[in-house]
PDB file of N, CA and C in Angstrom:
ATOM      1  N   UNK A   1      76.820 124.676 158.176  1.00  0.00           N
ATOM      2  CA  UNK A   1      75.530 125.019 157.623  1.00  0.00           C
ATOM      3  C   UNK A   1      75.080 123.863 156.757  1.00  0.00           C
ATOM      4  N   UNK A   2      73.847 123.496 156.911  1.00  0.00           N
ATOM      5  CA  UNK A   2      73.284 122.409 156.108  1.00  0.00           C
ATOM      6  C   UNK A   2      72.161 122.962 155.241  1.00  0.00           C
ATOM      7  N   UNK A   3      72.232 122.670 153.954  1.00  0.00           N
ATOM      8  CA  UNK A   3      71.179 123.033 153.008  1.00  0.00           C
ATOM      9  C   UNK A   3      70.567 121.744 152.498  1.00  0.00           C
ATOM     10  N   UNK A   4      69.250 121.631 152.605  1.00  0.00           N
ATOM     11  CA  UNK A   4      68.539 120.431 152.167  1.00  0.00           C
ATOM     12  C   UNK A   4      67.479 120.845 151.158  1.00  0.00           C
ATOM     13  N   UNK A   5      67.536 120.259 149.970  1.00  0.00           N
ATOM     14  CA  UNK A   5      66.548 120.553 148.932  1.00  0.00           C
ATOM     15  C   UNK A   5      65.440 119.503 149.015  1.00  0.00           C
ATOM     16  N   UNK A   6      64.206 119.968 149.166  1.00  0.00           N
ATOM     17  CA  UNK A   6      63.071 119.060 149.248  1.00  0.00           C
ATOM     18  C   UNK A   6      62.653 118.616 147.848  1.00  0.00           C
ATOM     19  N   UNK A   7      61.868 117.533 147.754  1.00  0.00           N
ATOM     20  CA  UNK A   7      61.393 117.093 146.442  1.00  0.00           C
ATOM     21  C   UNK A   7      60.609 118.181 145.701  1.00  0.00           C
ATOM     22  N   UNK A   8      59.978 119.109 146.434  1.00  0.00           N
ATOM     23  CA  UNK A   8      59.228 120.190 145.815  1.00  0.00           C
ATOM     24  C   UNK A   8      60.088 121.366 145.389  1.00  0.00           C
ATOM     25  N   UNK A   9      61.405 121.285 145.637  1.00  0.00           N
ATOM     26  CA  UNK A   9      62.318 122.335 145.214  1.00  0.00           C
ATOM     27  C   UNK A   9      62.620 123.393 146.261  1.00  0.00           C
ATOM     28  N   UNK A  10      61.968 123.309 147.416  1.00  0.00           N
ATOM     29  CA  UNK A  10      62.254 124.250 148.496  1.00  0.00           C
ATOM     30  C   UNK A  10      63.572 123.855 149.149  1.00  0.00           C
ATOM     31  N   UNK A  11      64.415 124.846 149.439  1.00  0.00           N
ATOM     32  CA  UNK A  11      65.689 124.578 150.111  1.00  0.00           C
ATOM     33  C   UNK A  11      65.565 125.030 151.557  1.00  0.00           C
ATOM     34  N   UNK A  12      65.914 124.146 152.484  1.00  0.00           N
ATOM     35  CA  UNK A  12      65.877 124.453 153.909  1.00  0.00           C
ATOM     36  C   UNK A  12      67.308 124.605 154.400  1.00  0.00           C
ATOM     37  N   UNK A  13      67.578 125.735 155.055  1.00  0.00           N
ATOM     38  CA  UNK A  13      68.899 125.984 155.642  1.00  0.00           C
ATOM     39  C   UNK A  13      68.782 125.789 157.147  1.00  0.00           C
ATOM     40  N   UNK A  14      69.756 125.107 157.730  1.00  0.00           N
ATOM     41  CA  UNK A  14      69.681 124.814 159.152  1.00  0.00           C
ATOM     42  C   UNK A  14      71.048 124.946 159.806  1.00  0.00           C
ATOM     43  N   UNK A  15      71.090 125.737 160.876  1.00  0.00           N
ATOM     44  CA  UNK A  15      72.296 125.846 161.697  1.00  0.00           C
ATOM     45  C   UNK A  15      71.888 126.480 163.020  1.00  0.00           C
ATOM     46  N   UNK A  16      72.519 126.101 164.078  1.00  0.00           N
ATOM     47  CA  UNK A  16      72.197 126.629 165.399  1.00  0.00           C
ATOM     48  C   UNK A  16      73.018 127.881 165.668  1.00  0.00           C
ATOM     49  N   UNK A  17      72.324 128.937 166.120  1.00  0.00           N
ATOM     50  CA  UNK A  17      73.002 130.199 166.432  1.00  0.00           C
ATOM     51  C   UNK A  17      72.588 130.675 167.824  1.00  0.00           C
ATOM     52  N   UNK A  18      72.404 129.724 168.711  1.00  0.00           N
ATOM     53  CA  UNK A  18      72.099 130.079 170.093  1.00  0.00           C
ATOM     54  C   UNK A  18      72.689 129.027 171.010  1.00  0.00           C
ATOM     55  N   UNK A  19      72.867 129.420 172.256  1.00  0.00           N
ATOM     56  CA  UNK A  19      73.396 128.500 173.256  1.00  0.00           C
ATOM     57  C   UNK A  19      72.359 128.406 174.355  1.00  0.00           C
ATOM     58  N   UNK A  20      71.697 127.261 174.441  1.00  0.00           N
ATOM     59  CA  UNK A  20      70.617 127.088 175.400  1.00  0.00           C
ATOM     60  C   UNK A  20      69.308 127.602 174.836  1.00  0.00           C
ATOM     61  N   UNK A  21      68.266 127.630 175.718  1.00  0.00           N
ATOM     62  CA  UNK A  21      66.948 128.047 175.239  1.00  0.00           C
ATOM     63  C   UNK A  21      66.284 129.097 176.119  1.00  0.00           C
ATOM     64  N   UNK A  22      66.953 129.559 177.135  1.00  0.00           N
ATOM     65  CA  UNK A  22      66.347 130.567 177.999  1.00  0.00           C
ATOM     66  C   UNK A  22      67.359 131.639 178.366  1.00  0.00           C
ATOM     67  N   UNK A  23      66.834 132.867 178.548  1.00  0.00           N
ATOM     68  CA  UNK A  23      67.673 133.970 179.009  1.00  0.00           C
ATOM     69  C   UNK A  23      68.081 133.692 180.453  1.00  0.00           C
ATOM     70  N   UNK A  24      69.371 133.816 180.722  1.00  0.00           N
ATOM     71  CA  UNK A  24      69.877 133.584 182.076  1.00  0.00           C
ATOM     72  C   UNK A  24      70.707 134.780 182.501  1.00  0.00           C
ATOM     73  N   UNK A  25      70.405 135.276 183.668  1.00  0.00           N
ATOM     74  CA  UNK A  25      71.103 136.430 184.230  1.00  0.00           C
ATOM     75  C   UNK A  25      71.124 137.589 183.243  1.00  0.00           C
ATOM     76  N   UNK A  26      70.004 137.763 182.534  1.00  0.00           N
ATOM     77  CA  UNK A  26      69.860 138.865 181.600  1.00  0.00           C
ATOM     78  C   UNK A  26      70.550 138.680 180.261  1.00  0.00           C
ATOM     79  N   UNK A  27      71.115 137.500 180.015  1.00  0.00           N
ATOM     80  CA  UNK A  27      71.833 137.245 178.765  1.00  0.00           C
ATOM     81  C   UNK A  27      71.014 136.302 177.891  1.00  0.00           C
ATOM     82  N   UNK A  28      70.694 136.769 176.698  1.00  0.00           N
ATOM     83  CA  UNK A  28      69.947 135.967 175.734  1.00  0.00           C
ATOM     84  C   UNK A  28      70.836 134.851 175.195  1.00  0.00           C
ATOM     85  N   UNK A  29      70.259 133.667 174.951  1.00  0.00           N
ATOM     86  CA  UNK A  29      71.056 132.599 174.330  1.00  0.00           C
ATOM     87  C   UNK A  29      71.365 132.833 172.856  1.00  0.00           C
ATOM     88  N   UNK A  30      70.756 133.862 172.254  1.00  0.00           N
ATOM     89  CA  UNK A  30      71.043 134.166 170.850  1.00  0.00           C
ATOM     90  C   UNK A  30      72.500 134.603 170.721  1.00  0.00           C
ATOM     91  N   UNK A  31      73.230 133.976 169.814  1.00  0.00           N
ATOM     92  CA  UNK A  31      74.626 134.316 169.556  1.00  0.00           C
ATOM     93  C   UNK A  31      74.674 135.088 168.240  1.00  0.00           C
ATOM     94  N   UNK A  32      74.719 136.409 168.360  1.00  0.00           N
ATOM     95  CA  UNK A  32      74.612 137.270 167.181  1.00  0.00           C
ATOM     96  C   UNK A  32      75.780 137.086 166.214  1.00  0.00           C
ATOM     97  N   UNK A  33      76.978 136.876 166.707  1.00  0.00           N
ATOM     98  CA  UNK A  33      78.129 136.676 165.810  1.00  0.00           C
ATOM     99  C   UNK A  33      77.943 135.398 165.000  1.00  0.00           C
ATOM    100  N   UNK A  34      77.445 134.349 165.639  1.00  0.00           N
ATOM    101  CA  UNK A  34      77.171 133.102 164.927  1.00  0.00           C
ATOM    102  C   UNK A  34      76.030 133.294 163.949  1.00  0.00           C
ATOM    103  N   UNK A  35      75.021 134.050 164.341  1.00  0.00           N
ATOM    104  CA  UNK A  35      73.899 134.327 163.454  1.00  0.00           C
ATOM    105  C   UNK A  35      74.369 135.085 162.210  1.00  0.00           C
ATOM    106  N   UNK A  36      75.292 136.019 162.377  1.00  0.00           N
ATOM    107  CA  UNK A  36      75.841 136.752 161.229  1.00  0.00           C
ATOM    108  C   UNK A  36      76.509 135.793 160.242  1.00  0.00           C
ATOM    109  N   UNK A  37      77.267 134.839 160.759  1.00  0.00           N
ATOM    110  CA  UNK A  37      77.920 133.842 159.897  1.00  0.00           C
ATOM    111  C   UNK A  37      76.865 133.025 159.161  1.00  0.00           C
ATOM    112  N   UNK A  38      75.836 132.594 159.882  1.00  0.00           N
ATOM    113  CA  UNK A  38      74.761 131.810 159.272  1.00  0.00           C
ATOM    114  C   UNK A  38      74.073 132.592 158.152  1.00  0.00           C
ATOM    115  N   UNK A  39      73.750 133.845 158.437  1.00  0.00           N
ATOM    116  CA  UNK A  39      73.066 134.661 157.437  1.00  0.00           C
ATOM    117  C   UNK A  39      73.951 134.908 156.219  1.00  0.00           C
ATOM    118  N   UNK A  40      75.240 135.050 156.431  1.00  0.00           N
ATOM    119  CA  UNK A  40      76.152 135.228 155.307  1.00  0.00           C
ATOM    120  C   UNK A  40      76.173 133.973 154.428  1.00  0.00           C
ATOM    121  N   UNK A  41      76.189 132.814 155.046  1.00  0.00           N
ATOM    122  CA  UNK A  41      76.175 131.562 154.282  1.00  0.00           C
ATOM    123  C   UNK A  41      74.867 131.396 153.522  1.00  0.00           C
ATOM    124  N   UNK A  42      73.757 131.727 154.173  1.00  0.00           N
ATOM    125  CA  UNK A  42      72.450 131.651 153.513  1.00  0.00           C
ATOM    126  C   UNK A  42      72.391 132.651 152.357  1.00  0.00           C
ATOM    127  N   UNK A  43      72.858 133.865 152.592  1.00  0.00           N
ATOM    128  CA  UNK A  43      72.839 134.882 151.548  1.00  0.00           C
ATOM    129  C   UNK A  43      73.660 134.486 150.340  1.00  0.00           C
ATOM    130  N   UNK A  44      74.848 133.957 150.582  1.00  0.00           N
ATOM    131  CA  UNK A  44      75.712 133.537 149.474  1.00  0.00           C
ATOM    132  C   UNK A  44      75.064 132.414 148.672  1.00  0.00           C
ATOM    133  N   UNK A  45      74.495 131.447 149.375  1.00  0.00           N
ATOM    134  CA  UNK A  45      73.830 130.322 148.712  1.00  0.00           C
ATOM    135  C   UNK A  45      72.631 130.826 147.893  1.00  0.00           C
ATOM    136  N   UNK A  46      71.798 131.663 148.532  1.00  0.00           N
ATOM    137  CA  UNK A  46      70.597 132.175 147.862  1.00  0.00           C
ATOM    138  C   UNK A  46      70.963 133.020 146.643  1.00  0.00           C
ATOM    139  N   UNK A  47      72.017 133.805 146.737  1.00  0.00           N
ATOM    140  CA  UNK A  47      72.452 134.617 145.596  1.00  0.00           C
ATOM    141  C   UNK A  47      72.949 133.719 144.461  1.00  0.00           C
ATOM    142  N   UNK A  48      73.752 132.735 144.811  1.00  0.00           N
ATOM    143  CA  UNK A  48      74.293 131.817 143.803  1.00  0.00           C
ATOM    144  C   UNK A  48      73.171 131.053 143.087  1.00  0.00           C
ATOM    145  N   UNK A  49      72.144 130.652 143.853  1.00  0.00           N
ATOM    146  CA  UNK A  49      71.035 129.872 143.286  1.00  0.00           C
ATOM    147  C   UNK A  49      69.869 130.747 142.824  1.00  0.00           C
ATOM    148  N   UNK A  50      70.015 132.070 143.018  1.00  0.00           N
ATOM    149  CA  UNK A  50      68.979 133.036 142.643  1.00  0.00           C
ATOM    150  C   UNK A  50      67.646 132.749 143.350  1.00  0.00           C
ATOM    151  N   UNK A  51      67.727 132.617 144.669  1.00  0.00           N
ATOM    152  CA  UNK A  51      66.556 132.308 145.487  1.00  0.00           C
ATOM    153  C   UNK A  51      66.173 133.488 146.373  1.00  0.00           C
ATOM    154  N   UNK A  52      64.874 133.642 146.605  1.00  0.00           N
ATOM    155  CA  UNK A  52      64.395 134.556 147.624  1.00  0.00           C
ATOM    156  C   UNK A  52      64.373 133.773 148.939  1.00  0.00           C
ATOM    157  N   UNK A  53      64.283 134.486 150.049  1.00  0.00           N
ATOM    158  CA  UNK A  53      64.368 133.849 151.356  1.00  0.00           C
ATOM    159  C   UNK A  53      63.066 134.042 152.107  1.00  0.00           C
ATOM    160  N   UNK A  54      62.531 132.947 152.625  1.00  0.00           N
ATOM    161  CA  UNK A  54      61.324 132.943 153.452  1.00  0.00           C
ATOM    162  C   UNK A  54      61.703 132.288 154.762  1.00  0.00           C
ATOM    163  N   UNK A  55      61.328 132.936 155.873  1.00  0.00           N
ATOM    164  CA  UNK A  55      61.777 132.429 157.170  1.00  0.00           C
ATOM    165  C   UNK A  55      60.864 132.897 158.280  1.00  0.00           C
ATOM    166  N   UNK A  56      60.884 132.175 159.418  1.00  0.00           N
ATOM    167  CA  UNK A  56      60.159 132.673 160.588  1.00  0.00           C
ATOM    168  C   UNK A  56      60.964 133.779 161.260  1.00  0.00           C
ATOM    169  N   UNK A  57      60.382 134.399 162.243  1.00  0.00           N
ATOM    170  CA  UNK A  57      61.044 135.454 163.022  1.00  0.00           C
ATOM    171  C   UNK A  57      62.023 134.765 163.980  1.00  0.00           C
ATOM    172  N   UNK A  58      63.210 134.512 163.472  1.00  0.00           N
ATOM    173  CA  UNK A  58      64.199 133.716 164.206  1.00  0.00           C
ATOM    174  C   UNK A  58      64.796 134.469 165.398  1.00  0.00           C
ATOM    175  N   UNK A  59      65.209 133.695 166.397  1.00  0.00           N
ATOM    176  CA  UNK A  59      65.997 134.225 167.506  1.00  0.00           C
ATOM    177  C   UNK A  59      65.254 135.014 168.555  1.00  0.00           C
ATOM    178  N   UNK A  60      63.918 135.098 168.447  1.00  0.00           N
ATOM    179  CA  UNK A  60      63.194 135.963 169.376  1.00  0.00           C
ATOM    180  C   UNK A  60      62.254 135.218 170.311  1.00  0.00           C
ATOM    181  N   UNK A  61      61.995 133.960 170.045  1.00  0.00           N
ATOM    182  CA  UNK A  61      61.085 133.188 170.894  1.00  0.00           C
ATOM    183  C   UNK A  61      61.783 132.797 172.184  1.00  0.00           C
ATOM    184  N   UNK A  62      62.018 131.509 172.348  1.00  0.00           N
ATOM    185  CA  UNK A  62      62.719 131.025 173.538  1.00  0.00           C
ATOM    186  C   UNK A  62      64.113 131.611 173.654  1.00  0.00           C
ATOM    187  N   UNK A  63      64.714 131.945 172.517  1.00  0.00           N
ATOM    188  CA  UNK A  63      66.075 132.503 172.550  1.00  0.00           C
ATOM    189  C   UNK A  63      66.102 133.923 173.102  1.00  0.00           C
ATOM    190  N   UNK A  64      64.967 134.608 173.090  1.00  0.00           N
ATOM    191  CA  UNK A  64      64.877 135.933 173.701  1.00  0.00           C
ATOM    192  C   UNK A  64      65.718 137.021 173.049  1.00  0.00           C
ATOM    193  N   UNK A  65      66.068 136.823 171.786  1.00  0.00           N
ATOM    194  CA  UNK A  65      66.895 137.816 171.100  1.00  0.00           C
ATOM    195  C   UNK A  65      66.125 139.080 170.753  1.00  0.00           C
ATOM    196  N   UNK A  66      66.845 140.101 170.395  1.00  0.00           N
ATOM    197  CA  UNK A  66      66.268 141.394 170.016  1.00  0.00           C
ATOM    198  C   UNK A  66      65.879 141.366 168.540  1.00  0.00           C
ATOM    199  N   UNK A  67      64.573 141.500 168.247  1.00  0.00           N
ATOM    200  CA  UNK A  67      64.148 141.502 166.852  1.00  0.00           C
ATOM    201  C   UNK A  67      64.741 142.690 166.113  1.00  0.00           C
ATOM    202  N   UNK A  68      64.851 143.827 166.760  1.00  0.00           N
ATOM    203  CA  UNK A  68      65.426 145.005 166.098  1.00  0.00           C
ATOM    204  C   UNK A  68      66.846 144.708 165.623  1.00  0.00           C
ATOM    205  N   UNK A  69      67.613 144.053 166.434  1.00  0.00           N
ATOM    206  CA  UNK A  69      69.002 143.713 166.067  1.00  0.00           C
ATOM    207  C   UNK A  69      69.029 142.656 164.957  1.00  0.00           C
ATOM    208  N   UNK A  70      68.184 141.648 165.075  1.00  0.00           N
ATOM    209  CA  UNK A  70      68.152 140.578 164.079  1.00  0.00           C
ATOM    210  C   UNK A  70      67.645 141.121 162.748  1.00  0.00           C
ATOM    211  N   UNK A  71      66.615 141.968 162.784  1.00  0.00           N
ATOM    212  CA  UNK A  71      66.084 142.557 161.558  1.00  0.00           C
ATOM    213  C   UNK A  71      67.150 143.391 160.852  1.00  0.00           C
ATOM    214  N   UNK A  72      67.965 144.101 161.630  1.00  0.00           N
ATOM    215  CA  UNK A  72      69.055 144.894 161.044  1.00  0.00           C
ATOM    216  C   UNK A  72      70.052 143.978 160.343  1.00  0.00           C
ATOM    217  N   UNK A  73      70.371 142.845 160.957  1.00  0.00           N
ATOM    218  CA  UNK A  73      71.293 141.884 160.339  1.00  0.00           C
ATOM    219  C   UNK A  73      70.709 141.320 159.046  1.00  0.00           C
ATOM    220  N   UNK A  74      69.425 140.994 159.065  1.00  0.00           N
ATOM    221  CA  UNK A  74      68.777 140.474 157.857  1.00  0.00           C
ATOM    222  C   UNK A  74      68.889 141.475 156.713  1.00  0.00           C
ATOM    223  N   UNK A  75      68.587 142.730 157.014  1.00  0.00           N
ATOM    224  CA  UNK A  75      68.655 143.762 155.983  1.00  0.00           C
ATOM    225  C   UNK A  75      70.065 143.978 155.466  1.00  0.00           C
ATOM    226  N   UNK A  76      71.019 144.087 156.389  1.00  0.00           N
ATOM    227  CA  UNK A  76      72.403 144.373 155.997  1.00  0.00           C
ATOM    228  C   UNK A  76      73.029 143.221 155.223  1.00  0.00           C
ATOM    229  N   UNK A  77      72.779 142.006 155.665  1.00  0.00           N
ATOM    230  CA  UNK A  77      73.460 140.862 155.046  1.00  0.00           C
ATOM    231  C   UNK A  77      72.678 140.316 153.854  1.00  0.00           C
ATOM    232  N   UNK A  78      71.428 139.936 154.088  1.00  0.00           N
ATOM    233  CA  UNK A  78      70.677 139.266 153.026  1.00  0.00           C
ATOM    234  C   UNK A  78      70.222 140.230 151.926  1.00  0.00           C
ATOM    235  N   UNK A  79      69.720 141.387 152.326  1.00  0.00           N
ATOM    236  CA  UNK A  79      69.182 142.330 151.335  1.00  0.00           C
ATOM    237  C   UNK A  79      70.262 143.184 150.691  1.00  0.00           C
ATOM    238  N   UNK A  80      71.067 143.853 151.514  1.00  0.00           N
ATOM    239  CA  UNK A  80      72.059 144.774 150.959  1.00  0.00           C
ATOM    240  C   UNK A  80      73.269 144.052 150.366  1.00  0.00           C
ATOM    241  N   UNK A  81      73.863 143.151 151.127  1.00  0.00           N
ATOM    242  CA  UNK A  81      75.079 142.479 150.654  1.00  0.00           C
ATOM    243  C   UNK A  81      74.796 141.531 149.497  1.00  0.00           C
ATOM    244  N   UNK A  82      73.683 140.759 149.621  1.00  0.00           N
ATOM    245  CA  UNK A  82      73.427 139.724 148.617  1.00  0.00           C
ATOM    246  C   UNK A  82      72.245 140.021 147.699  1.00  0.00           C
ATOM    247  N   UNK A  83      71.530 141.115 147.941  1.00  0.00           N
ATOM    248  CA  UNK A  83      70.436 141.497 147.055  1.00  0.00           C
ATOM    249  C   UNK A  83      69.262 140.541 147.040  1.00  0.00           C
ATOM    250  N   UNK A  84      69.037 139.878 148.133  1.00  0.00           N
ATOM    251  CA  UNK A  84      67.945 138.907 148.209  1.00  0.00           C
ATOM    252  C   UNK A  84      66.704 139.545 148.806  1.00  0.00           C
ATOM    253  N   UNK A  85      65.550 139.095 148.367  1.00  0.00           N
ATOM    254  CA  UNK A  85      64.279 139.513 148.967  1.00  0.00           C
ATOM    255  C   UNK A  85      64.000 138.568 150.119  1.00  0.00           C
ATOM    256  N   UNK A  86      63.608 139.123 151.262  1.00  0.00           N
ATOM    257  CA  UNK A  86      63.361 138.315 152.459  1.00  0.00           C
ATOM    258  C   UNK A  86      61.928 138.535 152.920  1.00  0.00           C
ATOM    259  N   UNK A  87      61.220 137.430 153.142  1.00  0.00           N
ATOM    260  CA  UNK A  87      59.866 137.471 153.711  1.00  0.00           C
ATOM    261  C   UNK A  87      59.935 136.779 155.067  1.00  0.00           C
ATOM    262  N   UNK A  88      59.493 137.489 156.105  1.00  0.00           N
ATOM    263  CA  UNK A  88      59.517 136.944 157.455  1.00  0.00           C
ATOM    264  C   UNK A  88      58.073 136.662 157.883  1.00  0.00           C
ATOM    265  N   UNK A  89      57.845 135.462 158.428  1.00  0.00           N
ATOM    266  CA  UNK A  89      56.519 135.044 158.851  1.00  0.00           C
ATOM    267  C   UNK A  89      56.441 135.005 160.370  1.00  0.00           C
ATOM    268  N   UNK A  90      55.310 135.449 160.893  1.00  0.00           N
ATOM    269  CA  UNK A  90      55.019 135.311 162.319  1.00  0.00           C
ATOM    270  C   UNK A  90      54.041 134.174 162.481  1.00  0.00           C
ATOM    271  N   UNK A  91      54.387 133.225 163.321  1.00  0.00           N
ATOM    272  CA  UNK A  91      53.504 132.099 163.587  1.00  0.00           C
ATOM    273  C   UNK A  91      52.826 132.302 164.932  1.00  0.00           C
ATOM    274  N   UNK A  92      51.574 131.843 165.046  1.00  0.00           N
ATOM    275  CA  UNK A  92      50.870 132.009 166.332  1.00  0.00           C
ATOM    276  C   UNK A  92      51.513 131.191 167.447  1.00  0.00           C
TER     277      UNK A  92
END
């Protein structure tokens, strides 16, 4: 997991949690177990630094992941486990 602090104080977290970019044979490239690890690392960092989390609707575009499943992970890990407020943005 890589955390980069911008000159304006925004912290960007980056890690890949998918394999490929298209659903093949009915299997989404989203790797939910890897995503759980990523969210845990983000949650721990955000809790330690007392940060709220702002993010796009990850894992559902080209990765074809289930938003219902990802939203559940966000709530369970970031909100419940780490007590962070999460704002999710939809981009056109």
